[in-house]
N, C-alpha and C. Protein backbone atom coordinates (compact mmCIF):
# COMPACT_ATOMS: atom_id res chain seq x y z
N MET A 1 -120.10 -206.12 78.24
CA MET A 1 -119.23 -204.98 78.01
C MET A 1 -118.10 -205.00 79.03
N ASN A 2 -118.45 -205.22 80.29
CA ASN A 2 -117.45 -205.22 81.34
C ASN A 2 -116.39 -206.29 81.11
N LEU A 3 -116.79 -207.45 80.65
CA LEU A 3 -115.87 -208.54 80.35
C LEU A 3 -114.84 -208.08 79.31
N TYR A 4 -115.30 -207.50 78.22
CA TYR A 4 -114.40 -207.08 77.15
C TYR A 4 -113.48 -205.95 77.59
N LEU A 5 -114.02 -204.99 78.34
CA LEU A 5 -113.19 -203.88 78.80
C LEU A 5 -112.10 -204.37 79.76
N ASN A 6 -112.46 -205.26 80.67
CA ASN A 6 -111.47 -205.78 81.60
C ASN A 6 -110.42 -206.63 80.89
N TYR A 7 -110.85 -207.44 79.93
CA TYR A 7 -109.90 -208.23 79.15
C TYR A 7 -108.92 -207.32 78.43
N PHE A 8 -109.47 -206.31 77.73
CA PHE A 8 -108.61 -205.42 76.95
C PHE A 8 -107.62 -204.69 77.85
N LYS A 9 -108.11 -204.24 79.01
CA LYS A 9 -107.24 -203.53 79.95
C LYS A 9 -106.10 -204.43 80.43
N ALA A 10 -106.41 -205.69 80.73
CA ALA A 10 -105.41 -206.61 81.27
C ALA A 10 -104.48 -207.19 80.20
N GLU A 11 -105.01 -207.45 79.02
CA GLU A 11 -104.25 -208.20 78.03
C GLU A 11 -103.72 -207.39 76.85
N GLU A 12 -104.36 -206.30 76.52
CA GLU A 12 -104.00 -205.56 75.30
C GLU A 12 -103.36 -204.20 75.57
N ASN A 13 -103.80 -203.52 76.64
CA ASN A 13 -103.22 -202.20 76.93
C ASN A 13 -101.74 -202.33 77.23
N VAL A 14 -100.99 -201.33 76.82
CA VAL A 14 -99.58 -201.25 77.15
C VAL A 14 -99.36 -200.05 78.06
N GLU A 15 -98.17 -199.95 78.61
CA GLU A 15 -97.87 -198.88 79.54
C GLU A 15 -98.22 -197.52 78.94
N ASN A 16 -98.82 -196.67 79.75
CA ASN A 16 -99.24 -195.31 79.40
C ASN A 16 -100.50 -195.26 78.52
N ASP A 17 -101.13 -196.39 78.24
CA ASP A 17 -102.42 -196.37 77.54
C ASP A 17 -103.50 -195.84 78.47
N ASN A 18 -104.48 -195.16 77.90
CA ASN A 18 -105.65 -194.77 78.66
C ASN A 18 -106.53 -195.98 78.90
N GLU A 19 -107.46 -195.84 79.85
CA GLU A 19 -108.43 -196.90 80.09
C GLU A 19 -109.22 -197.16 78.81
N PRO A 20 -109.53 -198.42 78.51
CA PRO A 20 -110.36 -198.69 77.33
C PRO A 20 -111.79 -198.18 77.57
N ILE A 21 -112.47 -197.86 76.48
CA ILE A 21 -113.86 -197.42 76.57
C ILE A 21 -114.72 -198.37 75.75
N GLY A 22 -115.98 -198.45 76.09
CA GLY A 22 -116.92 -199.26 75.33
C GLY A 22 -118.05 -198.38 74.81
N ILE A 23 -118.50 -198.67 73.64
CA ILE A 23 -119.61 -197.93 73.04
C ILE A 23 -120.69 -198.95 72.69
N ILE A 24 -121.88 -198.71 73.20
CA ILE A 24 -123.01 -199.59 72.89
C ILE A 24 -123.87 -198.88 71.86
N LEU A 25 -124.04 -199.51 70.71
CA LEU A 25 -124.91 -198.98 69.66
C LEU A 25 -126.13 -199.89 69.58
N SER A 26 -127.30 -199.29 69.59
CA SER A 26 -128.52 -200.08 69.57
C SER A 26 -129.52 -199.47 68.61
N ALA A 27 -130.26 -200.32 67.93
CA ALA A 27 -131.27 -199.83 66.99
C ALA A 27 -132.55 -199.41 67.71
N ASP A 28 -132.75 -199.88 68.92
CA ASP A 28 -133.96 -199.58 69.68
C ASP A 28 -133.61 -198.94 71.01
N LYS A 29 -134.49 -198.08 71.49
CA LYS A 29 -134.32 -197.51 72.82
C LYS A 29 -134.94 -198.50 73.79
N ASP A 30 -134.10 -199.26 74.46
CA ASP A 30 -134.57 -200.33 75.32
C ASP A 30 -133.90 -200.20 76.68
N GLU A 31 -134.58 -199.55 77.63
CA GLU A 31 -133.98 -199.30 78.94
C GLU A 31 -133.61 -200.59 79.66
N ILE A 32 -134.39 -201.65 79.47
CA ILE A 32 -134.09 -202.93 80.12
C ILE A 32 -132.79 -203.50 79.59
N LEU A 33 -132.59 -203.45 78.28
CA LEU A 33 -131.35 -203.95 77.68
C LEU A 33 -130.15 -203.19 78.24
N VAL A 34 -130.24 -201.87 78.31
CA VAL A 34 -129.15 -201.07 78.84
C VAL A 34 -128.93 -201.38 80.32
N GLU A 35 -130.01 -201.52 81.07
CA GLU A 35 -129.89 -201.84 82.50
C GLU A 35 -129.13 -203.15 82.70
N TYR A 36 -129.48 -204.17 81.95
CA TYR A 36 -128.79 -205.46 82.07
C TYR A 36 -127.35 -205.38 81.56
N ALA A 37 -127.14 -204.67 80.47
CA ALA A 37 -125.80 -204.57 79.90
C ALA A 37 -124.85 -203.84 80.85
N MET A 38 -125.35 -202.87 81.60
CA MET A 38 -124.50 -202.05 82.44
C MET A 38 -124.55 -202.46 83.91
N GLY A 39 -125.38 -203.43 84.25
CA GLY A 39 -125.55 -203.85 85.64
C GLY A 39 -124.25 -204.30 86.29
N GLY A 40 -123.99 -203.81 87.48
CA GLY A 40 -122.82 -204.23 88.24
C GLY A 40 -121.52 -203.56 87.83
N ILE A 41 -121.55 -202.68 86.87
CA ILE A 41 -120.33 -201.99 86.44
C ILE A 41 -120.17 -200.74 87.30
N SER A 42 -119.04 -200.68 88.01
CA SER A 42 -118.84 -199.56 88.92
C SER A 42 -118.02 -198.43 88.28
N ASN A 43 -117.56 -198.63 87.05
CA ASN A 43 -116.81 -197.57 86.36
C ASN A 43 -117.74 -196.41 86.03
N LYS A 44 -117.14 -195.31 85.64
CA LYS A 44 -117.94 -194.16 85.21
C LYS A 44 -118.68 -194.53 83.93
N ILE A 45 -119.97 -194.34 83.94
CA ILE A 45 -120.81 -194.66 82.79
C ILE A 45 -121.45 -193.37 82.30
N PHE A 46 -121.37 -193.14 81.01
CA PHE A 46 -121.97 -191.95 80.42
C PHE A 46 -122.92 -192.39 79.32
N ILE A 47 -124.14 -191.92 79.40
CA ILE A 47 -125.12 -192.20 78.37
C ILE A 47 -125.39 -190.89 77.65
N SER A 48 -125.14 -190.87 76.37
CA SER A 48 -125.20 -189.62 75.64
C SER A 48 -126.60 -189.33 75.15
N LYS A 49 -127.04 -189.99 74.10
CA LYS A 49 -128.35 -189.69 73.56
C LYS A 49 -128.84 -190.84 72.70
N TYR A 50 -130.09 -190.81 72.44
CA TYR A 50 -130.74 -191.82 71.63
C TYR A 50 -130.99 -191.24 70.25
N GLN A 51 -130.62 -191.96 69.22
CA GLN A 51 -130.86 -191.52 67.85
C GLN A 51 -131.57 -192.63 67.09
N LEU A 52 -132.33 -192.26 66.10
CA LEU A 52 -133.04 -193.24 65.29
C LEU A 52 -132.16 -193.82 64.19
N TYR A 53 -130.94 -193.31 64.04
CA TYR A 53 -130.05 -193.78 62.99
C TYR A 53 -128.62 -193.77 63.53
N LEU A 54 -127.76 -194.54 62.93
CA LEU A 54 -126.35 -194.52 63.30
C LEU A 54 -125.65 -193.43 62.51
N PRO A 55 -124.71 -192.73 63.14
CA PRO A 55 -123.96 -191.73 62.38
C PRO A 55 -123.07 -192.44 61.36
N ASN A 56 -122.71 -191.71 60.31
CA ASN A 56 -121.79 -192.33 59.35
C ASN A 56 -120.40 -192.41 59.97
N LYS A 57 -119.51 -193.13 59.34
CA LYS A 57 -118.19 -193.40 59.90
C LYS A 57 -117.42 -192.12 60.21
N LYS A 58 -117.45 -191.16 59.31
CA LYS A 58 -116.72 -189.90 59.51
C LYS A 58 -117.26 -189.13 60.71
N GLN A 59 -118.60 -189.08 60.85
CA GLN A 59 -119.19 -188.39 61.99
C GLN A 59 -118.78 -189.05 63.30
N LEU A 60 -118.81 -190.37 63.32
CA LEU A 60 -118.45 -191.11 64.53
C LEU A 60 -116.97 -190.88 64.87
N GLN A 61 -116.11 -190.90 63.87
CA GLN A 61 -114.68 -190.64 64.10
C GLN A 61 -114.45 -189.24 64.66
N ARG A 62 -115.15 -188.24 64.09
CA ARG A 62 -115.00 -186.86 64.58
C ARG A 62 -115.46 -186.74 66.03
N LYS A 63 -116.58 -187.39 66.37
CA LYS A 63 -117.11 -187.32 67.73
C LYS A 63 -116.15 -187.97 68.72
N VAL A 64 -115.64 -189.14 68.40
CA VAL A 64 -114.69 -189.82 69.29
C VAL A 64 -113.44 -188.98 69.44
N LYS A 65 -112.93 -188.42 68.34
CA LYS A 65 -111.73 -187.58 68.41
C LYS A 65 -111.97 -186.35 69.27
N SER A 66 -113.13 -185.71 69.14
CA SER A 66 -113.40 -184.52 69.95
C SER A 66 -113.47 -184.85 71.44
N ILE A 67 -114.01 -186.02 71.76
CA ILE A 67 -114.05 -186.44 73.18
C ILE A 67 -112.64 -186.70 73.69
N LEU A 68 -111.84 -187.39 72.90
CA LEU A 68 -110.47 -187.69 73.32
C LEU A 68 -109.61 -186.44 73.43
N ASP A 69 -109.84 -185.46 72.55
CA ASP A 69 -109.08 -184.22 72.58
C ASP A 69 -109.35 -183.40 73.83
N LYS A 70 -110.51 -183.58 74.45
CA LYS A 70 -110.87 -182.82 75.65
C LYS A 70 -110.13 -183.31 76.89
N LYS A 71 -109.55 -184.52 76.83
CA LYS A 71 -108.89 -185.09 78.00
C LYS A 71 -107.50 -184.57 78.15
């Protein structure tokens, strides 16, 4: 995740863009996987919640928009 976020920040972001964010979607609640995926990342990390299903596209879009609107 850190590799992709740093690449995007350096190569794709343009002036006045916000920092890129990463979203990890997983079918299983696996603390070890999350620990390894997030290890060594010093950025602010937020873990929301565990769900047994993925939200549909519209729900996910609304959630991301609501988070961005709060900034």
